[in-house]
Amino acid sequence: MRKIIIAIDGFSSCGKSTMAKALARNIGYLYFDSGAMYRAVALFCMKNELIKGDNIDKEALLACIKDINITFEVDPETKNSITFLNGKNVEHEIRSLEVSQFVSKIAAIDFVREEMVNRQREMGKAKGIVMDGRDIGTTVFPNAELKVFVTASAEVRAQRRYDELTARGDKADFNEILENVLQRDHIDQTREISPLKRADDALLLDNSNLTREEQMNWLIEQFNKLTQEC
């Protein structure tokens, strides 16, 4: 069975990462969360005081972007991917609403995007990977064999984010989350560098009313069509 690259793009809070992780486990592929990379950069900026109010010190960020070391490890118990920033486990920190408020702005910076895309392409050279994000099928891996574009209503996505935060014990306000979702949609779709859009050859998956099992069955079906020998 030949190995391929699977690119899963779509709007924020569509469950892309959960879906991609589960798919990778099911088919024995490596999983990489491109969004976690931008979240890690945002967290780095916050911790190093490169964000003042709504302004990002781009000159200072440019000077140290090469030194921001982002790696992934697999949790031996959950088999999920864990994000490390300069050797520290930041998986929980990067999922906070505070980081979410800045990640789209960080991801829209040209030199940040260029650096992360180069790193992501290195990860995919051997194929046999599942990667999710905003521009994986359009910019990072335009020749990926399987591309999926995921969408759902803003309200459904906000509710999922709310449930995720409260399940972790974090304080959350639905209206604030919904506003953040809509703001991120606007920034992602209108940014000058690699805007969020569906690749011409991407399969559309609206998961507003699908269970995780239904999603997985659909993904496995698409994967098998491409990889199984005739």
Protein backbone atom coordinates (compact mmCIF):
# COMPACT_ATOMS: atom_id res chain seq x y z
CA MET A 1 0.00 0.00 0.00
CA ARG A 2 1.57 3.29 -1.08
CA LYS A 3 2.03 6.10 1.41
CA ILE A 4 0.43 9.46 0.77
CA ILE A 5 0.11 12.90 2.29
CA ILE A 6 -3.30 13.74 3.75
CA ALA A 7 -4.03 17.48 4.06
CA ILE A 8 -6.99 18.51 6.22
CA ASP A 9 -7.89 22.20 6.07
CA GLY A 10 -10.85 24.19 7.31
CA PHE A 11 -12.25 26.74 9.68
CA SER A 12 -11.24 27.04 13.34
CA SER A 13 -12.93 24.76 15.89
CA CYS A 14 -14.19 22.31 13.27
CA GLY A 15 -12.51 19.46 15.11
CA LYS A 16 -9.81 19.11 12.45
CA SER A 17 -7.08 18.20 14.92
CA THR A 18 -9.18 15.59 16.72
CA MET A 19 -10.22 14.14 13.38
CA ALA A 20 -6.68 14.14 11.97
CA LYS A 21 -5.21 12.53 15.10
CA ALA A 22 -7.80 9.76 15.04
CA LEU A 23 -7.27 9.16 11.33
CA ALA A 24 -3.50 8.95 11.76
CA ARG A 25 -3.91 6.39 14.57
CA ASN A 26 -6.33 4.34 12.46
CA ILE A 27 -4.08 4.10 9.42
CA GLY A 28 -0.69 4.08 11.15
CA TYR A 29 0.45 7.48 9.87
CA LEU A 30 2.29 10.28 11.65
CA TYR A 31 0.23 13.29 12.69
CA PHE A 32 1.37 16.92 12.69
CA ASP A 33 -0.73 19.81 14.00
CA SER A 34 0.30 22.86 11.95
CA GLY A 35 -2.03 25.08 13.98
CA ALA A 36 -0.17 24.12 17.15
CA MET A 37 2.99 25.55 15.59
CA TYR A 38 1.40 28.98 15.16
CA ARG A 39 -0.11 28.74 18.63
CA ALA A 40 3.35 27.98 20.01
CA VAL A 41 4.76 31.06 18.30
CA ALA A 42 1.92 33.14 19.76
CA LEU A 43 2.64 31.74 23.23
CA PHE A 44 6.34 32.52 22.78
CA CYS A 45 5.47 36.12 21.92
CA MET A 46 3.21 36.43 24.95
CA LYS A 47 5.80 35.00 27.34
CA ASN A 48 8.58 37.18 25.92
CA GLU A 49 6.52 40.39 25.94
CA LEU A 50 6.50 40.74 22.15
CA ILE A 51 2.78 41.52 22.28
CA LYS A 52 1.74 44.87 23.74
CA GLY A 53 -1.99 45.43 23.65
CA ASP A 54 -3.03 44.52 20.11
CA ASN A 55 0.43 45.20 18.66
CA ILE A 56 3.05 42.59 17.86
CA ASP A 57 6.74 43.54 17.88
CA LYS A 58 7.47 42.06 14.45
CA GLU A 59 11.07 43.29 14.36
CA ALA A 60 11.89 41.48 17.60
CA LEU A 61 10.01 38.37 16.47
CA LEU A 62 11.89 38.29 13.17
CA ALA A 63 15.20 38.46 15.04
CA CYS A 64 14.42 35.30 17.04
CA ILE A 65 12.07 33.28 14.80
CA LYS A 66 14.79 30.77 13.89
CA ASP A 67 15.41 30.11 17.59
CA ILE A 68 11.81 29.15 18.35
CA ASN A 69 12.09 25.38 18.56
CA ILE A 70 8.77 23.56 18.10
CA THR A 71 8.67 19.77 18.31
CA PHE A 72 6.05 17.07 18.66
CA GLU A 73 6.06 13.89 20.74
CA VAL A 74 3.50 11.12 21.04
CA ASP A 75 1.92 10.60 24.46
CA PRO A 76 2.56 6.90 25.21
CA GLU A 77 -0.79 6.56 26.98
CA THR A 78 -3.21 8.56 24.82
CA LYS A 79 -1.19 8.22 21.59
CA ASN A 80 -1.98 11.88 20.95
CA SER A 81 0.56 14.42 19.73
CA ILE A 82 2.05 16.76 22.36
CA THR A 83 3.51 20.14 21.42
CA PHE A 84 6.82 21.24 22.92
CA LEU A 85 8.15 24.81 22.80
CA ASN A 86 11.89 25.02 23.35
CA GLY A 87 11.80 21.71 25.17
CA LYS A 88 8.76 22.46 27.38
CA ASN A 89 5.38 20.76 27.10
CA VAL A 90 2.95 23.57 26.19
CA GLU A 91 0.05 21.50 24.85
CA HIS A 92 -2.37 22.82 27.47
CA GLU A 93 -1.15 26.44 27.38
CA ILE A 94 -1.48 26.86 23.63
CA ARG A 95 -5.16 25.85 23.72
CA SER A 96 -6.18 28.76 25.96
CA LEU A 97 -8.59 31.43 24.74
CA GLU A 98 -5.87 34.05 25.32
CA VAL A 99 -3.61 32.35 22.79
CA SER A 100 -6.58 31.89 20.43
CA GLN A 101 -7.12 35.64 20.40
CA PHE A 102 -3.65 36.23 18.91
CA VAL A 103 -2.90 33.14 16.86
CA SER A 104 -4.56 34.32 13.62
CA LYS A 105 -2.65 37.61 13.77
CA ILE A 106 0.61 35.75 14.33
CA ALA A 107 -0.19 33.35 11.48
CA ALA A 108 -0.82 36.29 9.13
CA ILE A 109 2.77 37.59 9.48
CA ASP A 110 4.64 36.76 6.27
CA PHE A 111 7.99 35.67 7.73
CA VAL A 112 6.31 33.55 10.43
CA ARG A 113 4.23 31.79 7.79
CA GLU A 114 7.26 31.23 5.54
CA GLU A 115 9.28 29.72 8.40
CA MET A 116 6.49 27.40 9.55
CA VAL A 117 5.66 26.27 6.01
CA ASN A 118 9.30 25.34 5.39
CA ARG A 119 9.35 23.29 8.59
CA GLN A 120 6.06 21.59 7.68
CA ARG A 121 7.36 20.63 4.24
CA GLU A 122 10.38 19.00 5.84
CA MET A 123 8.05 16.92 8.00
CA GLY A 124 6.24 15.63 4.91
CA LYS A 125 9.18 14.55 2.77
CA ALA A 126 8.82 10.87 3.69
CA LYS A 127 5.02 10.97 3.24
CA GLY A 128 2.79 8.78 5.39
CA ILE A 129 1.55 11.82 7.32
CA VAL A 130 -1.69 13.55 8.23
CA MET A 131 -1.44 17.32 8.70
CA ASP A 132 -4.22 19.76 9.46
CA GLY A 133 -4.38 23.54 9.33
CA ARG A 134 -5.56 26.42 7.16
CA ASP A 135 -3.35 26.21 4.06
CA ILE A 136 -2.00 22.65 4.02
CA GLY A 137 -3.68 21.63 0.76
CA THR A 138 -3.21 24.99 -0.97
CA THR A 139 0.26 26.15 0.09
CA VAL A 140 2.18 23.61 2.17
CA PHE A 141 1.36 20.46 0.18
CA PRO A 142 -0.45 21.54 -3.03
CA ASN A 143 0.29 18.09 -4.48
CA ALA A 144 -1.10 16.11 -1.52
CA GLU A 145 -2.89 13.02 -2.72
CA LEU A 146 -5.86 13.44 -0.38
CA LYS A 147 -7.19 16.88 0.53
CA VAL A 148 -10.18 17.49 2.79
CA PHE A 149 -11.76 20.86 3.57
CA VAL A 150 -13.79 20.84 6.78
CA THR A 151 -16.55 23.29 7.66
CA ALA A 152 -19.39 23.72 10.17
CA SER A 153 -21.60 26.59 11.28
CA ALA A 154 -20.00 29.23 13.53
CA GLU A 155 -22.47 28.45 16.32
CA VAL A 156 -21.67 24.74 16.24
CA ARG A 157 -17.95 25.49 16.30
CA ALA A 158 -18.29 27.92 19.19
CA GLN A 159 -20.26 25.35 21.19
CA ARG A 160 -17.58 22.73 20.59
CA ARG A 161 -14.89 25.13 21.77
CA TYR A 162 -16.97 26.04 24.81
CA ASP A 163 -17.45 22.36 25.69
CA GLU A 164 -13.73 21.69 25.26
CA LEU A 165 -12.71 24.52 27.59
CA THR A 166 -15.27 23.76 30.29
CA ALA A 167 -14.40 20.06 30.21
CA ARG A 168 -10.83 21.06 31.09
CA GLY A 169 -12.08 23.17 33.96
CA ASP A 170 -11.36 26.49 32.24
CA LYS A 171 -13.75 29.42 32.52
CA ALA A 172 -15.55 30.13 29.27
CA ASP A 173 -18.20 32.47 27.90
CA PHE A 174 -20.10 31.24 24.82
CA ASN A 175 -20.67 34.70 23.33
CA GLU A 176 -17.01 35.60 23.74
CA ILE A 177 -15.99 32.36 22.05
CA LEU A 178 -18.45 32.90 19.19
CA GLU A 179 -17.04 36.39 18.64
CA ASN A 180 -13.53 34.94 18.58
CA VAL A 181 -14.56 32.26 16.06
CA LEU A 182 -16.06 34.86 13.71
CA GLN A 183 -13.05 37.14 14.10
CA ARG A 184 -10.65 34.31 13.31
CA ASP A 185 -12.72 33.34 10.27
CA HIS A 186 -12.43 36.88 8.93
CA ILE A 187 -8.68 37.13 9.55
CA ASP A 188 -7.99 33.66 8.13
CA GLN A 189 -9.98 34.29 4.95
CA THR A 190 -8.77 37.83 4.24
CA ARG A 191 -5.08 37.69 5.17
CA GLU A 192 -2.69 38.48 2.32
CA ILE A 193 -0.42 35.46 2.85
CA SER A 194 -1.97 32.00 2.31
CA PRO A 195 -5.60 32.87 3.06
CA LEU A 196 -7.95 30.10 4.13
CA LYS A 197 -9.71 28.68 1.10
CA ARG A 198 -10.77 25.34 -0.26
CA ALA A 199 -8.33 23.84 -2.77
CA ASP A 200 -9.92 23.10 -6.13
CA ASP A 201 -9.33 19.36 -5.67
CA ALA A 202 -10.27 19.18 -1.98
CA LEU A 203 -13.22 17.10 -0.82
CA LEU A 204 -15.75 19.08 1.22
CA LEU A 205 -16.76 17.72 4.63
CA ASP A 206 -19.47 19.60 6.54
CA ASN A 207 -19.43 17.97 9.96
CA SER A 208 -22.08 20.15 11.62
CA ASN A 209 -24.34 17.16 12.16
CA LEU A 210 -21.94 14.22 11.91
CA THR A 211 -20.74 12.00 14.73
CA ARG A 212 -17.03 11.27 15.06
CA GLU A 213 -17.69 7.71 13.94
CA GLU A 214 -19.46 8.91 10.79
CA GLN A 215 -16.58 11.30 10.04
CA MET A 216 -14.00 8.55 10.49
CA ASN A 217 -15.88 6.08 8.30
CA TRP A 218 -16.00 8.70 5.54
CA LEU A 219 -12.30 9.53 5.87
CA ILE A 220 -11.25 5.88 5.86
CA GLU A 221 -13.35 5.31 2.75
CA GLN A 222 -11.60 8.16 0.92
CA PHE A 223 -8.19 6.93 2.10
CA ASN A 224 -8.83 3.38 0.92
CA LYS A 225 -9.94 4.57 -2.49
CA LEU A 226 -6.55 6.19 -3.01
CA THR A 227 -4.19 3.68 -1.45
CA GLN A 228 -5.57 0.21 -1.99
CA GLU A 229 -4.36 -1.66 -5.01
CA CYS A 230 -6.90 -2.28 -7.72
